[in-house]
Amino acid sequence: MIKVEVAYALPNEQKIIALQVAEDCSAYEAVVQSRIAEMFPQIDIENDPMGIFGKAIADPKHYILKPGQRVEVYRPLIADPKEIRARRAAKAKAERDAKG
């Protein structure tokens, strides 16, 4: 058995669950065993992206965990980060031009 964690975060709440899993446990299996989807019904463990310490993993069902790793379940992006930055830059430029 090895100790791992499963994490999920919302803008105003986060949960990290520590658990013991078999040495050949996949990231996906750890998420299932943590039962985190029962606490956050919006989690879709079949489709939501997952990662280890901030790095996305391509295939959570086949990624075998190492002791101490934390599986993170990611929320879908509401807006494209590039689009948000572009809007912010345009707004700042408009404000500078208005003052100018």
PDB file of N, CA and C in Angstrom:
ATOM      1  N   MET A   1       0.845  -1.191   0.000  1.00  0.00           N
ATOM      2  CA  MET A   1       0.000   0.000   0.000  1.00  0.00           C
ATOM      3  C   MET A   1       0.886   1.250   0.000  1.00  0.00           C
ATOM      4  N   ILE A   2       0.410   2.280  -0.715  1.00  0.00           N
ATOM      5  CA  ILE A   2       1.113   3.563  -0.738  1.00  0.00           C
ATOM      6  C   ILE A   2       0.129   4.676  -0.377  1.00  0.00           C
ATOM      7  N   LYS A   3       0.664   5.779   0.111  1.00  0.00           N
ATOM      8  CA  LYS A   3      -0.167   6.916   0.474  1.00  0.00           C
ATOM      9  C   LYS A   3      -0.139   7.932  -0.660  1.00  0.00           C
ATOM     10  N   VAL A   4      -1.333   8.360  -1.096  1.00  0.00           N
ATOM     11  CA  VAL A   4      -1.474   9.379  -2.131  1.00  0.00           C
ATOM     12  C   VAL A   4      -2.577  10.346  -1.701  1.00  0.00           C
ATOM     13  N   GLU A   5      -2.752  11.394  -2.478  1.00  0.00           N
ATOM     14  CA  GLU A   5      -3.821  12.350  -2.216  1.00  0.00           C
ATOM     15  C   GLU A   5      -4.606  12.582  -3.498  1.00  0.00           C
ATOM     16  N   VAL A   6      -5.860  12.968  -3.317  1.00  0.00           N
ATOM     17  CA  VAL A   6      -6.715  13.366  -4.430  1.00  0.00           C
ATOM     18  C   VAL A   6      -7.233  14.754  -4.089  1.00  0.00           C
ATOM     19  N   ALA A   7      -7.148  15.687  -5.054  1.00  0.00           N
ATOM     20  CA  ALA A   7      -7.536  17.074  -4.801  1.00  0.00           C
ATOM     21  C   ALA A   7      -8.504  17.588  -5.861  1.00  0.00           C
ATOM     22  N   TYR A   8      -9.383  18.481  -5.403  1.00  0.00           N
ATOM     23  CA  TYR A   8     -10.301  19.185  -6.295  1.00  0.00           C
ATOM     24  C   TYR A   8     -10.506  20.566  -5.708  1.00  0.00           C
ATOM     25  N   ALA A   9     -10.566  21.575  -6.562  1.00  0.00           N
ATOM     26  CA  ALA A   9     -10.726  22.941  -6.060  1.00  0.00           C
ATOM     27  C   ALA A   9     -11.761  23.705  -6.867  1.00  0.00           C
ATOM     28  N   LEU A  10     -12.559  24.443  -6.137  1.00  0.00           N
ATOM     29  CA  LEU A  10     -13.485  25.407  -6.715  1.00  0.00           C
ATOM     30  C   LEU A  10     -12.935  26.782  -6.365  1.00  0.00           C
ATOM     31  N   PRO A  11     -13.461  27.859  -6.939  1.00  0.00           N
ATOM     32  CA  PRO A  11     -12.938  29.186  -6.596  1.00  0.00           C
ATOM     33  C   PRO A  11     -12.990  29.486  -5.098  1.00  0.00           C
ATOM     34  N   ASN A  12     -13.976  28.941  -4.391  1.00  0.00           N
ATOM     35  CA  ASN A  12     -14.143  29.263  -2.981  1.00  0.00           C
ATOM     36  C   ASN A  12     -13.996  28.065  -2.041  1.00  0.00           C
ATOM     37  N   GLU A  13     -13.588  26.935  -2.558  1.00  0.00           N
ATOM     38  CA  GLU A  13     -13.502  25.730  -1.723  1.00  0.00           C
ATOM     39  C   GLU A  13     -12.551  24.730  -2.361  1.00  0.00           C
ATOM     40  N   GLN A  14     -11.778  24.032  -1.512  1.00  0.00           N
ATOM     41  CA  GLN A  14     -10.943  22.955  -2.036  1.00  0.00           C
ATOM     42  C   GLN A  14     -10.967  21.791  -1.064  1.00  0.00           C
ATOM     43  N   LYS A  15     -10.690  20.631  -1.599  1.00  0.00           N
ATOM     44  CA  LYS A  15     -10.672  19.421  -0.780  1.00  0.00           C
ATOM     45  C   LYS A  15      -9.483  18.577  -1.205  1.00  0.00           C
ATOM     46  N   ILE A  16      -8.699  18.137  -0.222  1.00  0.00           N
ATOM     47  CA  ILE A  16      -7.594  17.211  -0.473  1.00  0.00           C
ATOM     48  C   ILE A  16      -7.848  15.995   0.408  1.00  0.00           C
ATOM     49  N   ILE A  17      -7.934  14.848  -0.218  1.00  0.00           N
ATOM     50  CA  ILE A  17      -8.227  13.606   0.504  1.00  0.00           C
ATOM     51  C   ILE A  17      -7.004  12.706   0.452  1.00  0.00           C
ATOM     52  N   ALA A  18      -6.487  12.357   1.615  1.00  0.00           N
ATOM     53  CA  ALA A  18      -5.363  11.422   1.703  1.00  0.00           C
ATOM     54  C   ALA A  18      -5.933  10.008   1.796  1.00  0.00           C
ATOM     55  N   LEU A  19      -5.298   9.084   1.075  1.00  0.00           N
ATOM     56  CA  LEU A  19      -5.763   7.703   1.150  1.00  0.00           C
ATOM     57  C   LEU A  19      -4.634   6.732   0.846  1.00  0.00           C
ATOM     58  N   GLN A  20      -4.831   5.505   1.294  1.00  0.00           N
ATOM     59  CA  GLN A  20      -3.903   4.399   1.024  1.00  0.00           C
ATOM     60  C   GLN A  20      -4.465   3.619  -0.159  1.00  0.00           C
ATOM     61  N   VAL A  21      -3.613   3.362  -1.130  1.00  0.00           N
ATOM     62  CA  VAL A  21      -4.042   2.613  -2.310  1.00  0.00           C
ATOM     63  C   VAL A  21      -3.028   1.510  -2.599  1.00  0.00           C
ATOM     64  N   ALA A  22      -3.412   0.577  -3.446  1.00  0.00           N
ATOM     65  CA  ALA A  22      -2.500  -0.495  -3.861  1.00  0.00           C
ATOM     66  C   ALA A  22      -1.340   0.101  -4.648  1.00  0.00           C
ATOM     67  N   GLU A  23      -0.205  -0.575  -4.639  1.00  0.00           N
ATOM     68  CA  GLU A  23       0.993  -0.066  -5.316  1.00  0.00           C
ATOM     69  C   GLU A  23       0.819   0.069  -6.824  1.00  0.00           C
ATOM     70  N   ASP A  24      -0.129  -0.659  -7.402  1.00  0.00           N
ATOM     71  CA  ASP A  24      -0.361  -0.566  -8.847  1.00  0.00           C
ATOM     72  C   ASP A  24      -1.606   0.267  -9.178  1.00  0.00           C
ATOM     73  N   CYS A  25      -1.974   1.170  -8.280  1.00  0.00           N
ATOM     74  CA  CYS A  25      -3.184   1.978  -8.435  1.00  0.00           C
ATOM     75  C   CYS A  25      -2.967   3.078  -9.473  1.00  0.00           C
ATOM     76  N   SER A  26      -3.956   3.231 -10.353  1.00  0.00           N
ATOM     77  CA  SER A  26      -3.887   4.313 -11.350  1.00  0.00           C
ATOM     78  C   SER A  26      -4.453   5.597 -10.752  1.00  0.00           C
ATOM     79  N   ALA A  27      -4.162   6.714 -11.412  1.00  0.00           N
ATOM     80  CA  ALA A  27      -4.696   8.009 -10.972  1.00  0.00           C
ATOM     81  C   ALA A  27      -6.227   7.957 -10.964  1.00  0.00           C
ATOM     82  N   TYR A  28      -6.797   7.386 -12.011  1.00  0.00           N
ATOM     83  CA  TYR A  28      -8.256   7.260 -12.113  1.00  0.00           C
ATOM     84  C   TYR A  28      -8.818   6.445 -10.944  1.00  0.00           C
ATOM     85  N   GLU A  29      -8.185   5.304 -10.653  1.00  0.00           N
ATOM     86  CA  GLU A  29      -8.667   4.453  -9.560  1.00  0.00           C
ATOM     87  C   GLU A  29      -8.597   5.176  -8.219  1.00  0.00           C
ATOM     88  N   ALA A  30      -7.550   5.981  -8.016  1.00  0.00           N
ATOM     89  CA  ALA A  30      -7.427   6.733  -6.762  1.00  0.00           C
ATOM     90  C   ALA A  30      -8.569   7.733  -6.630  1.00  0.00           C
ATOM     91  N   VAL A  31      -8.940   8.387  -7.732  1.00  0.00           N
ATOM     92  CA  VAL A  31     -10.054   9.338  -7.692  1.00  0.00           C
ATOM     93  C   VAL A  31     -11.347   8.603  -7.333  1.00  0.00           C
ATOM     94  N   VAL A  32     -11.561   7.449  -7.938  1.00  0.00           N
ATOM     95  CA  VAL A  32     -12.758   6.653  -7.624  1.00  0.00           C
ATOM     96  C   VAL A  32     -12.754   6.270  -6.144  1.00  0.00           C
ATOM     97  N   GLN A  33     -11.621   5.746  -5.656  1.00  0.00           N
ATOM     98  CA  GLN A  33     -11.542   5.285  -4.265  1.00  0.00           C
ATOM     99  C   GLN A  33     -11.692   6.423  -3.267  1.00  0.00           C
ATOM    100  N   SER A  34     -11.284   7.637  -3.654  1.00  0.00           N
ATOM    101  CA  SER A  34     -11.385   8.777  -2.738  1.00  0.00           C
ATOM    102  C   SER A  34     -12.832   9.199  -2.503  1.00  0.00           C
ATOM    103  N   ARG A  35     -13.703   8.854  -3.420  1.00  0.00           N
ATOM    104  CA  ARG A  35     -15.125   9.199  -3.389  1.00  0.00           C
ATOM    105  C   ARG A  35     -15.345  10.721  -3.429  1.00  0.00           C
ATOM    106  N   ILE A  36     -14.387  11.434  -3.994  1.00  0.00           N
ATOM    107  CA  ILE A  36     -14.481  12.890  -4.062  1.00  0.00           C
ATOM    108  C   ILE A  36     -15.653  13.341  -4.928  1.00  0.00           C
ATOM    109  N   ALA A  37     -16.023  12.529  -5.909  1.00  0.00           N
ATOM    110  CA  ALA A  37     -17.153  12.885  -6.782  1.00  0.00           C
ATOM    111  C   ALA A  37     -18.476  12.890  -6.013  1.00  0.00           C
ATOM    112  N   GLU A  38     -18.527  12.209  -4.870  1.00  0.00           N
ATOM    113  CA  GLU A  38     -19.735  12.253  -4.044  1.00  0.00           C
ATOM    114  C   GLU A  38     -19.848  13.606  -3.338  1.00  0.00           C
ATOM    115  N   MET A  39     -18.700  14.223  -3.034  1.00  0.00           N
ATOM    116  CA  MET A  39     -18.687  15.534  -2.383  1.00  0.00           C
ATOM    117  C   MET A  39     -18.901  16.663  -3.378  1.00  0.00           C
ATOM    118  N   PHE A  40     -18.461  16.443  -4.619  1.00  0.00           N
ATOM    119  CA  PHE A  40     -18.581  17.444  -5.675  1.00  0.00           C
ATOM    120  C   PHE A  40     -19.248  16.778  -6.881  1.00  0.00           C
ATOM    121  N   PRO A  41     -20.572  16.788  -6.926  1.00  0.00           N
ATOM    122  CA  PRO A  41     -21.284  16.074  -7.992  1.00  0.00           C
ATOM    123  C   PRO A  41     -20.977  16.582  -9.403  1.00  0.00           C
ATOM    124  N   GLN A  42     -20.413  17.779  -9.513  1.00  0.00           N
ATOM    125  CA  GLN A  42     -20.082  18.303 -10.844  1.00  0.00           C
ATOM    126  C   GLN A  42     -18.868  17.603 -11.456  1.00  0.00           C
ATOM    127  N   ILE A  43     -18.130  16.841 -10.662  1.00  0.00           N
ATOM    128  CA  ILE A  43     -16.982  16.107 -11.194  1.00  0.00           C
ATOM    129  C   ILE A  43     -17.478  14.979 -12.101  1.00  0.00           C
ATOM    130  N   ASP A  44     -16.889  14.919 -13.280  1.00  0.00           N
ATOM    131  CA  ASP A  44     -17.165  13.843 -14.232  1.00  0.00           C
ATOM    132  C   ASP A  44     -15.858  13.061 -14.381  1.00  0.00           C
ATOM    133  N   ILE A  45     -15.692  12.006 -13.570  1.00  0.00           N
ATOM    134  CA  ILE A  45     -14.402  11.309 -13.552  1.00  0.00           C
ATOM    135  C   ILE A  45     -14.074  10.629 -14.872  1.00  0.00           C
ATOM    136  N   GLU A  46     -15.065  10.426 -15.713  1.00  0.00           N
ATOM    137  CA  GLU A  46     -14.802   9.808 -17.012  1.00  0.00           C
ATOM    138  C   GLU A  46     -14.223  10.809 -18.013  1.00  0.00           C
ATOM    139  N   ASN A  47     -14.495  12.101 -17.819  1.00  0.00           N
ATOM    140  CA  ASN A  47     -14.115  13.091 -18.826  1.00  0.00           C
ATOM    141  C   ASN A  47     -13.269  14.255 -18.313  1.00  0.00           C
ATOM    142  N   ASP A  48     -13.368  14.590 -17.031  1.00  0.00           N
ATOM    143  CA  ASP A  48     -12.607  15.727 -16.520  1.00  0.00           C
ATOM    144  C   ASP A  48     -11.114  15.427 -16.586  1.00  0.00           C
ATOM    145  N   PRO A  49     -10.321  16.427 -16.998  1.00  0.00           N
ATOM    146  CA  PRO A  49      -8.871  16.205 -17.031  1.00  0.00           C
ATOM    147  C   PRO A  49      -8.304  16.031 -15.631  1.00  0.00           C
ATOM    148  N   MET A  50      -7.208  15.300 -15.537  1.00  0.00           N
ATOM    149  CA  MET A  50      -6.537  15.059 -14.265  1.00  0.00           C
ATOM    150  C   MET A  50      -5.052  15.332 -14.440  1.00  0.00           C
ATOM    151  N   GLY A  51      -4.403  15.580 -13.320  1.00  0.00           N
ATOM    152  CA  GLY A  51      -2.973  15.826 -13.362  1.00  0.00           C
ATOM    153  C   GLY A  51      -2.325  15.446 -12.056  1.00  0.00           C
ATOM    154  N   ILE A  52      -0.997  15.525 -12.049  1.00  0.00           N
ATOM    155  CA  ILE A  52      -0.199  15.248 -10.867  1.00  0.00           C
ATOM    156  C   ILE A  52       0.602  16.514 -10.572  1.00  0.00           C
ATOM    157  N   PHE A  53       0.346  17.116  -9.420  1.00  0.00           N
ATOM    158  CA  PHE A  53       1.071  18.330  -9.021  1.00  0.00           C
ATOM    159  C   PHE A  53       1.128  19.370 -10.140  1.00  0.00           C
ATOM    160  N   GLY A  54      -0.015  19.649 -10.758  1.00  0.00           N
ATOM    161  CA  GLY A  54      -0.103  20.712 -11.747  1.00  0.00           C
ATOM    162  C   GLY A  54       0.285  20.340 -13.168  1.00  0.00           C
ATOM    163  N   LYS A  55       0.673  19.101 -13.403  1.00  0.00           N
ATOM    164  CA  LYS A  55       1.023  18.670 -14.764  1.00  0.00           C
ATOM    165  C   LYS A  55      -0.028  17.672 -15.235  1.00  0.00           C
ATOM    166  N   ALA A  56      -0.679  18.009 -16.342  1.00  0.00           N
ATOM    167  CA  ALA A  56      -1.742  17.157 -16.875  1.00  0.00           C
ATOM    168  C   ALA A  56      -1.201  15.783 -17.257  1.00  0.00           C
ATOM    169  N   ILE A  57      -2.025  14.769 -17.045  1.00  0.00           N
ATOM    170  CA  ILE A  57      -1.664  13.419 -17.476  1.00  0.00           C
ATOM    171  C   ILE A  57      -2.650  13.008 -18.575  1.00  0.00           C
ATOM    172  N   ALA A  58      -2.117  12.409 -19.634  1.00  0.00           N
ATOM    173  CA  ALA A  58      -2.914  12.093 -20.815  1.00  0.00           C
ATOM    174  C   ALA A  58      -3.921  10.978 -20.563  1.00  0.00           C
ATOM    175  N   ASP A  59      -3.538   9.972 -19.796  1.00  0.00           N
ATOM    176  CA  ASP A  59      -4.395   8.796 -19.621  1.00  0.00           C
ATOM    177  C   ASP A  59      -4.447   8.385 -18.144  1.00  0.00           C
ATOM    178  N   PRO A  60      -5.328   9.028 -17.360  1.00  0.00           N
ATOM    179  CA  PRO A  60      -5.397   8.732 -15.919  1.00  0.00           C
ATOM    180  C   PRO A  60      -5.670   7.268 -15.592  1.00  0.00           C
ATOM    181  N   LYS A  61      -6.327   6.544 -16.509  1.00  0.00           N
ATOM    182  CA  LYS A  61      -6.649   5.135 -16.232  1.00  0.00           C
ATOM    183  C   LYS A  61      -5.415   4.244 -16.306  1.00  0.00           C
ATOM    184  N   HIS A  62      -4.348   4.736 -16.946  1.00  0.00           N
ATOM    185  CA  HIS A  62      -3.136   3.924 -17.074  1.00  0.00           C
ATOM    186  C   HIS A  62      -1.923   4.541 -16.393  1.00  0.00           C
ATOM    187  N   TYR A  63      -2.090   5.714 -15.788  1.00  0.00           N
ATOM    188  CA  TYR A  63      -0.974   6.362 -15.084  1.00  0.00           C
ATOM    189  C   TYR A  63      -0.883   5.761 -13.681  1.00  0.00           C
ATOM    190  N   ILE A  64       0.184   5.005 -13.413  1.00  0.00           N
ATOM    191  CA  ILE A  64       0.362   4.359 -12.107  1.00  0.00           C
ATOM    192  C   ILE A  64       1.019   5.352 -11.143  1.00  0.00           C
ATOM    193  N   LEU A  65       0.370   5.507 -10.001  1.00  0.00           N
ATOM    194  CA  LEU A  65       0.845   6.474  -9.011  1.00  0.00           C
ATOM    195  C   LEU A  65       2.085   6.009  -8.271  1.00  0.00           C
ATOM    196  N   LYS A  66       2.860   6.987  -7.839  1.00  0.00           N
ATOM    197  CA  LYS A  66       4.018   6.746  -6.982  1.00  0.00           C
ATOM    198  C   LYS A  66       3.668   7.254  -5.584  1.00  0.00           C
ATOM    199  N   PRO A  67       4.323   6.723  -4.544  1.00  0.00           N
ATOM    200  CA  PRO A  67       4.014   7.168  -3.184  1.00  0.00           C
ATOM    201  C   PRO A  67       4.130   8.690  -3.054  1.00  0.00           C
ATOM    202  N   GLY A  68       3.146   9.280  -2.382  1.00  0.00           N
ATOM    203  CA  GLY A  68       3.177  10.705  -2.094  1.00  0.00           C
ATOM    204  C   GLY A  68       2.616  11.601  -3.183  1.00  0.00           C
ATOM    205  N   GLN A  69       2.249  11.037  -4.327  1.00  0.00           N
ATOM    206  CA  GLN A  69       1.724  11.885  -5.400  1.00  0.00           C
ATOM    207  C   GLN A  69       0.302  12.339  -5.088  1.00  0.00           C
ATOM    208  N   ARG A  70      -0.047  13.506  -5.653  1.00  0.00           N
ATOM    209  CA  ARG A  70      -1.402  14.041  -5.497  1.00  0.00           C
ATOM    210  C   ARG A  70      -2.057  14.113  -6.871  1.00  0.00           C
ATOM    211  N   VAL A  71      -3.187  13.439  -7.001  1.00  0.00           N
ATOM    212  CA  VAL A  71      -3.978  13.495  -8.231  1.00  0.00           C
ATOM    213  C   VAL A  71      -4.901  14.705  -8.111  1.00  0.00           C
ATOM    214  N   GLU A  72      -4.868  15.557  -9.127  1.00  0.00           N
ATOM    215  CA  GLU A  72      -5.740  16.726  -9.148  1.00  0.00           C
ATOM    216  C   GLU A  72      -6.776  16.544 -10.246  1.00  0.00           C
ATOM    217  N   VAL A  73      -8.026  16.770  -9.890  1.00  0.00           N
ATOM    218  CA  VAL A  73      -9.109  16.727 -10.871  1.00  0.00           C
ATOM    219  C   VAL A  73      -9.362  18.175 -11.269  1.00  0.00           C
ATOM    220  N   TYR A  74      -9.267  18.456 -12.566  1.00  0.00           N
ATOM    221  CA  TYR A  74      -9.390  19.827 -13.050  1.00  0.00           C
ATOM    222  C   TYR A  74     -10.803  20.131 -13.519  1.00  0.00           C
ATOM    223  N   ARG A  75     -11.227  21.364 -13.265  1.00  0.00           N
ATOM    224  CA  ARG A  75     -12.520  21.837 -13.754  1.00  0.00           C
ATOM    225  C   ARG A  75     -12.346  22.304 -15.201  1.00  0.00           C
ATOM    226  N   PRO A  76     -13.407  22.214 -15.988  1.00  0.00           N
ATOM    227  CA  PRO A  76     -13.316  22.760 -17.349  1.00  0.00           C
ATOM    228  C   PRO A  76     -13.134  24.272 -17.283  1.00  0.00           C
ATOM    229  N   LEU A  77     -12.359  24.828 -18.214  1.00  0.00           N
ATOM    230  CA  LEU A  77     -12.191  26.280 -18.259  1.00  0.00           C
ATOM    231  C   LEU A  77     -13.490  26.924 -18.718  1.00  0.00           C
ATOM    232  N   ILE A  78     -13.873  28.001 -18.043  1.00  0.00           N
ATOM    233  CA  ILE A  78     -15.085  28.728 -18.427  1.00  0.00           C
ATOM    234  C   ILE A  78     -14.775  29.642 -19.613  1.00  0.00           C
ATOM    235  N   ALA A  79     -13.572  30.232 -19.614  1.00  0.00           N
ATOM    236  CA  ALA A  79     -13.164  31.117 -20.699  1.00  0.00           C
ATOM    237  C   ALA A  79     -11.720  30.806 -21.075  1.00  0.00           C
ATOM    238  N   ASP A  80     -11.392  31.075 -22.314  1.00  0.00           N
ATOM    239  CA  ASP A  80     -10.038  30.862 -22.809  1.00  0.00           C
ATOM    240  C   ASP A  80      -9.091  31.882 -22.163  1.00  0.00           C
ATOM    241  N   PRO A  81      -8.016  31.433 -21.494  1.00  0.00           N
ATOM    242  CA  PRO A  81      -7.098  32.369 -20.836  1.00  0.00           C
ATOM    243  C   PRO A  81      -6.510  33.410 -21.787  1.00  0.00           C
ATOM    244  N   LYS A  82      -6.247  33.034 -23.042  1.00  0.00           N
ATOM    245  CA  LYS A  82      -5.715  33.998 -24.015  1.00  0.00           C
ATOM    246  C   LYS A  82      -6.733  35.108 -24.287  1.00  0.00           C
ATOM    247  N   GLU A  83      -7.986  34.734 -24.394  1.00  0.00           N
ATOM    248  CA  GLU A  83      -9.044  35.709 -24.639  1.00  0.00           C
ATOM    249  C   GLU A  83      -9.185  36.661 -23.446  1.00  0.00           C
ATOM    250  N   ILE A  84      -9.093  36.140 -22.236  1.00  0.00           N
ATOM    251  CA  ILE A  84      -9.188  36.976 -21.037  1.00  0.00           C
ATOM    252  C   ILE A  84      -8.046  37.984 -21.005  1.00  0.00           C
ATOM    253  N   ARG A  85      -6.820  37.526 -21.299  1.00  0.00           N
ATOM    254  CA  ARG A  85      -5.669  38.440 -21.315  1.00  0.00           C
ATOM    255  C   ARG A  85      -5.841  39.509 -22.387  1.00  0.00           C
ATOM    256  N   ALA A  86      -6.318  39.132 -23.557  1.00  0.00           N
ATOM    257  CA  ALA A  86      -6.512  40.093 -24.647  1.00  0.00           C
ATOM    258  C   ALA A  86      -7.540  41.150 -24.251  1.00  0.00           C
ATOM    259  N   ARG A  87      -8.635  40.724 -23.614  1.00  0.00           N
ATOM    260  CA  ARG A  87      -9.657  41.674 -23.171  1.00  0.00           C
ATOM    261  C   ARG A  87      -9.096  42.635 -22.126  1.00  0.00           C
ATOM    262  N   ARG A  88      -8.313  42.083 -21.189  1.00  0.00           N
ATOM    263  CA  ARG A  88      -7.719  42.896 -20.133  1.00  0.00           C
ATOM    264  C   ARG A  88      -6.756  43.937 -20.729  1.00  0.00           C
ATOM    265  N   ALA A  89      -5.957  43.508 -21.692  1.00  0.00           N
ATOM    266  CA  ALA A  89      -5.009  44.421 -22.339  1.00  0.00           C
ATOM    267  C   ALA A  89      -5.753  45.512 -23.107  1.00  0.00           C
ATOM    268  N   ALA A  90      -6.811  45.168 -23.806  1.00  0.00           N
ATOM    269  CA  ALA A  90      -7.596  46.149 -24.547  1.00  0.00           C
ATOM    270  C   ALA A  90      -8.241  47.157 -23.602  1.00  0.00           C
ATOM    271  N   LYS A  91      -8.729  46.677 -22.484  1.00  0.00           N
ATOM    272  CA  LYS A  91      -9.347  47.573 -21.496  1.00  0.00           C
ATOM    273  C   LYS A  91      -8.298  48.532 -20.929  1.00  0.00           C
ATOM    274  N   ALA A  92      -7.121  48.032 -20.593  1.00  0.00           N
ATOM    275  CA  ALA A  92      -6.053  48.875 -20.054  1.00  0.00           C
ATOM    276  C   ALA A  92      -5.635  49.921 -21.083  1.00  0.00           C
ATOM    277  N   LYS A  93      -5.541  49.519 -22.353  1.00  0.00           N
ATOM    278  CA  LYS A  93      -5.171  50.462 -23.417  1.00  0.00           C
ATOM    279  C   LYS A  93      -6.238  51.549 -23.554  1.00  0.00           C
ATOM    280  N   ALA A  94      -7.501  51.145 -23.522  1.00  0.00           N
ATOM    281  CA  ALA A  94      -8.596  52.119 -23.639  1.00  0.00           C
ATOM    282  C   ALA A  94      -8.553  53.114 -22.477  1.00  0.00           C
ATOM    283  N   GLU A  95      -8.248  52.630 -21.276  1.00  0.00           N
ATOM    284  CA  GLU A  95      -8.165  53.512 -20.108  1.00  0.00           C
ATOM    285  C   GLU A  95      -6.988  54.484 -20.250  1.00  0.00           C
ATOM    286  N   ARG A  96      -5.839  53.982 -20.757  1.00  0.00           N
ATOM    287  CA  ARG A  96      -4.677  54.861 -20.969  1.00  0.00           C
ATOM    288  C   ARG A  96      -4.995  55.916 -22.021  1.00  0.00           C
ATOM    289  N   ASP A  97      -5.646  55.499 -23.121  1.00  0.00           N
ATOM    290  CA  ASP A  97      -5.990  56.432 -24.187  1.00  0.00           C
ATOM    291  C   ASP A  97      -6.962  57.503 -23.689  1.00  0.00           C
ATOM    292  N   ALA A  98      -7.885  57.113 -22.824  1.00  0.00           N
ATOM    293  CA  ALA A  98      -8.878  58.056 -22.301  1.00  0.00           C
ATOM    294  C   ALA A  98      -8.214  59.113 -21.406  1.00  0.00           C
ATOM    295  N   LYS A  99      -7.166  58.704 -20.676  1.00  0.00           N
ATOM    296  CA  LYS A  99      -6.458  59.628 -19.793  1.00  0.00           C
ATOM    297  C   LYS A  99      -5.544  60.543 -20.587  1.00  0.00           C
ATOM    298  N   GLY A 100      -5.011  60.022 -21.720  1.00  0.00           N
ATOM    299  CA  GLY A 100      -3.962  60.621 -22.510  1.00  0.00           C
ATOM    300  C   GLY A 100      -4.232  61.921 -23.124  1.00  0.00           C
TER     301      GLY A 100
END
